[in-house]
Amino acid sequence: MKSNLRKIGNSRGVLIPAPFLAACGIEDEIVLRLDGKRIIIEPVHAPRAGWFDDYREDDDENVWLDLVEDESDQKEWQW
């Protein structure tokens, strides 16, 4: 697909079709970088994004219930 650069103030810009942005996961912020004579446009990914997506608070409450106290737990520690 060909496109023209447009003047925006003292800079130049290009319109990127919405389907292109959606396919790349680009919403509001981007990262621009040079790779030789190419301009790379990438979506901004927040560090640690998605780390707690599968976290359920109720899992932590029951984690200790499976531990069984035995006789060795009741003995005095010797150093």
C-alpha atoms as a PDB file:
ATOM      1  CA  MET A   1       0.000   0.000   0.000  1.00  0.00           C
ATOM      2  CA  LYS A   2       1.353   3.399  -0.933  1.00  0.00           C
ATOM      3  CA  SER A   3       0.698   6.554   1.068  1.00  0.00           C
ATOM      4  CA  ASN A   4       1.858  10.162   1.058  1.00  0.00           C
ATOM      5  CA  LEU A   5       3.618  12.061   3.814  1.00  0.00           C
ATOM      6  CA  ARG A   6       1.609  14.996   5.121  1.00  0.00           C
ATOM      7  CA  LYS A   7       2.885  18.178   6.663  1.00  0.00           C
ATOM      8  CA  ILE A   8       2.076  18.471  10.377  1.00  0.00           C
ATOM      9  CA  GLY A   9       3.604  21.654  11.798  1.00  0.00           C
ATOM     10  CA  ASN A  10       7.360  21.418  11.268  1.00  0.00           C
ATOM     11  CA  SER A  11       7.159  17.624  10.937  1.00  0.00           C
ATOM     12  CA  ARG A  12       5.734  15.119   8.473  1.00  0.00           C
ATOM     13  CA  GLY A  13       3.199  12.403   9.207  1.00  0.00           C
ATOM     14  CA  VAL A  14       1.489   9.448   7.612  1.00  0.00           C
ATOM     15  CA  LEU A  15      -2.037   8.140   8.135  1.00  0.00           C
ATOM     16  CA  ILE A  16      -2.111   4.486   9.129  1.00  0.00           C
ATOM     17  CA  PRO A  17      -5.358   2.632   8.375  1.00  0.00           C
ATOM     18  CA  ALA A  18      -7.284   1.427  11.457  1.00  0.00           C
ATOM     19  CA  PRO A  19      -7.183  -2.259  10.378  1.00  0.00           C
ATOM     20  CA  PHE A  20      -3.372  -2.097  10.278  1.00  0.00           C
ATOM     21  CA  LEU A  21      -3.258  -0.647  13.793  1.00  0.00           C
ATOM     22  CA  ALA A  22      -5.715  -3.227  15.107  1.00  0.00           C
ATOM     23  CA  ALA A  23      -3.771  -6.106  13.546  1.00  0.00           C
ATOM     24  CA  CYS A  24      -0.599  -4.895  15.285  1.00  0.00           C
ATOM     25  CA  GLY A  25      -2.281  -4.246  18.638  1.00  0.00           C
ATOM     26  CA  ILE A  26      -1.516  -0.542  18.479  1.00  0.00           C
ATOM     27  CA  GLU A  27      -3.881   1.698  20.442  1.00  0.00           C
ATOM     28  CA  ASP A  28      -2.651   5.098  21.645  1.00  0.00           C
ATOM     29  CA  GLU A  29       1.094   4.936  22.288  1.00  0.00           C
ATOM     30  CA  ILE A  30       3.820   3.657  20.010  1.00  0.00           C
ATOM     31  CA  VAL A  31       7.563   3.154  20.050  1.00  0.00           C
ATOM     32  CA  LEU A  32       9.473   4.458  17.025  1.00  0.00           C
ATOM     33  CA  ARG A  33      12.948   3.174  16.221  1.00  0.00           C
ATOM     34  CA  LEU A  34      15.294   3.082  13.272  1.00  0.00           C
ATOM     35  CA  ASP A  35      16.562  -0.153  11.731  1.00  0.00           C
ATOM     36  CA  GLY A  36      19.029   0.962   9.100  1.00  0.00           C
ATOM     37  CA  LYS A  37      16.906   3.083   6.747  1.00  0.00           C
ATOM     38  CA  ARG A  38      13.612   1.642   8.006  1.00  0.00           C
ATOM     39  CA  ILE A  39      11.281   3.196  10.559  1.00  0.00           C
ATOM     40  CA  ILE A  40       9.854   0.567  12.911  1.00  0.00           C
ATOM     41  CA  ILE A  41       6.558   1.353  14.641  1.00  0.00           C
ATOM     42  CA  GLU A  42       5.623  -0.914  17.560  1.00  0.00           C
ATOM     43  CA  PRO A  43       2.962  -0.832  20.268  1.00  0.00           C
ATOM     44  CA  VAL A  44       4.027   0.165  23.764  1.00  0.00           C
ATOM     45  CA  HIS A  45       3.898  -2.785  26.129  1.00  0.00           C
ATOM     46  CA  ALA A  46       3.831  -1.966  29.820  1.00  0.00           C
ATOM     47  CA  PRO A  47       6.435  -3.885  31.787  1.00  0.00           C
ATOM     48  CA  ARG A  48       4.931  -6.823  33.660  1.00  0.00           C
ATOM     49  CA  ALA A  49       1.637  -6.453  31.822  1.00  0.00           C
ATOM     50  CA  GLY A  50      -0.557  -9.479  32.314  1.00  0.00           C
ATOM     51  CA  TRP A  51       1.378 -10.942  35.241  1.00  0.00           C
ATOM     52  CA  PHE A  52      -1.753 -11.189  37.397  1.00  0.00           C
ATOM     53  CA  ASP A  53      -4.355 -11.893  34.731  1.00  0.00           C
ATOM     54  CA  ASP A  54      -4.997 -15.417  36.026  1.00  0.00           C
ATOM     55  CA  TYR A  55      -4.614 -14.549  39.708  1.00  0.00           C
ATOM     56  CA  ARG A  56      -7.547 -15.407  41.947  1.00  0.00           C
ATOM     57  CA  GLU A  57      -7.436 -14.093  45.489  1.00  0.00           C
ATOM     58  CA  ASP A  58      -9.330 -17.098  46.892  1.00  0.00           C
ATOM     59  CA  ASP A  59      -6.432 -19.390  45.863  1.00  0.00           C
ATOM     60  CA  ASP A  60      -4.161 -17.816  48.489  1.00  0.00           C
ATOM     61  CA  GLU A  61      -6.626 -18.339  51.323  1.00  0.00           C
ATOM     62  CA  ASN A  62      -6.749 -22.117  50.919  1.00  0.00           C
ATOM     63  CA  VAL A  63      -3.102 -22.804  50.121  1.00  0.00           C
ATOM     64  CA  TRP A  64      -2.224 -23.635  53.743  1.00  0.00           C
ATOM     65  CA  LEU A  65      -5.189 -25.934  54.393  1.00  0.00           C
ATOM     66  CA  ASP A  66      -3.484 -28.921  52.764  1.00  0.00           C
ATOM     67  CA  LEU A  67      -0.517 -28.786  55.143  1.00  0.00           C
ATOM     68  CA  VAL A  68      -0.789 -31.304  57.957  1.00  0.00           C
ATOM     69  CA  GLU A  69       0.966 -30.829  61.261  1.00  0.00           C
ATOM     70  CA  ASP A  70       2.775 -33.951  62.502  1.00  0.00           C
ATOM     71  CA  GLU A  71       4.809 -34.845  65.597  1.00  0.00           C
ATOM     72  CA  SER A  72       8.042 -33.395  64.249  1.00  0.00           C
ATOM     73  CA  ASP A  73       6.377 -29.995  64.012  1.00  0.00           C
ATOM     74  CA  GLN A  74       5.657 -30.005  67.737  1.00  0.00           C
ATOM     75  CA  LYS A  75       9.174 -30.878  68.903  1.00  0.00           C
ATOM     76  CA  GLU A  76      11.487 -28.189  70.172  1.00  0.00           C
ATOM     77  CA  TRP A  77      14.169 -27.093  67.705  1.00  0.00           C
ATOM     78  CA  GLN A  78      17.768 -27.901  68.601  1.00  0.00           C
ATOM     79  CA  TRP A  79      20.562 -25.674  67.390  1.00  0.00           C
END
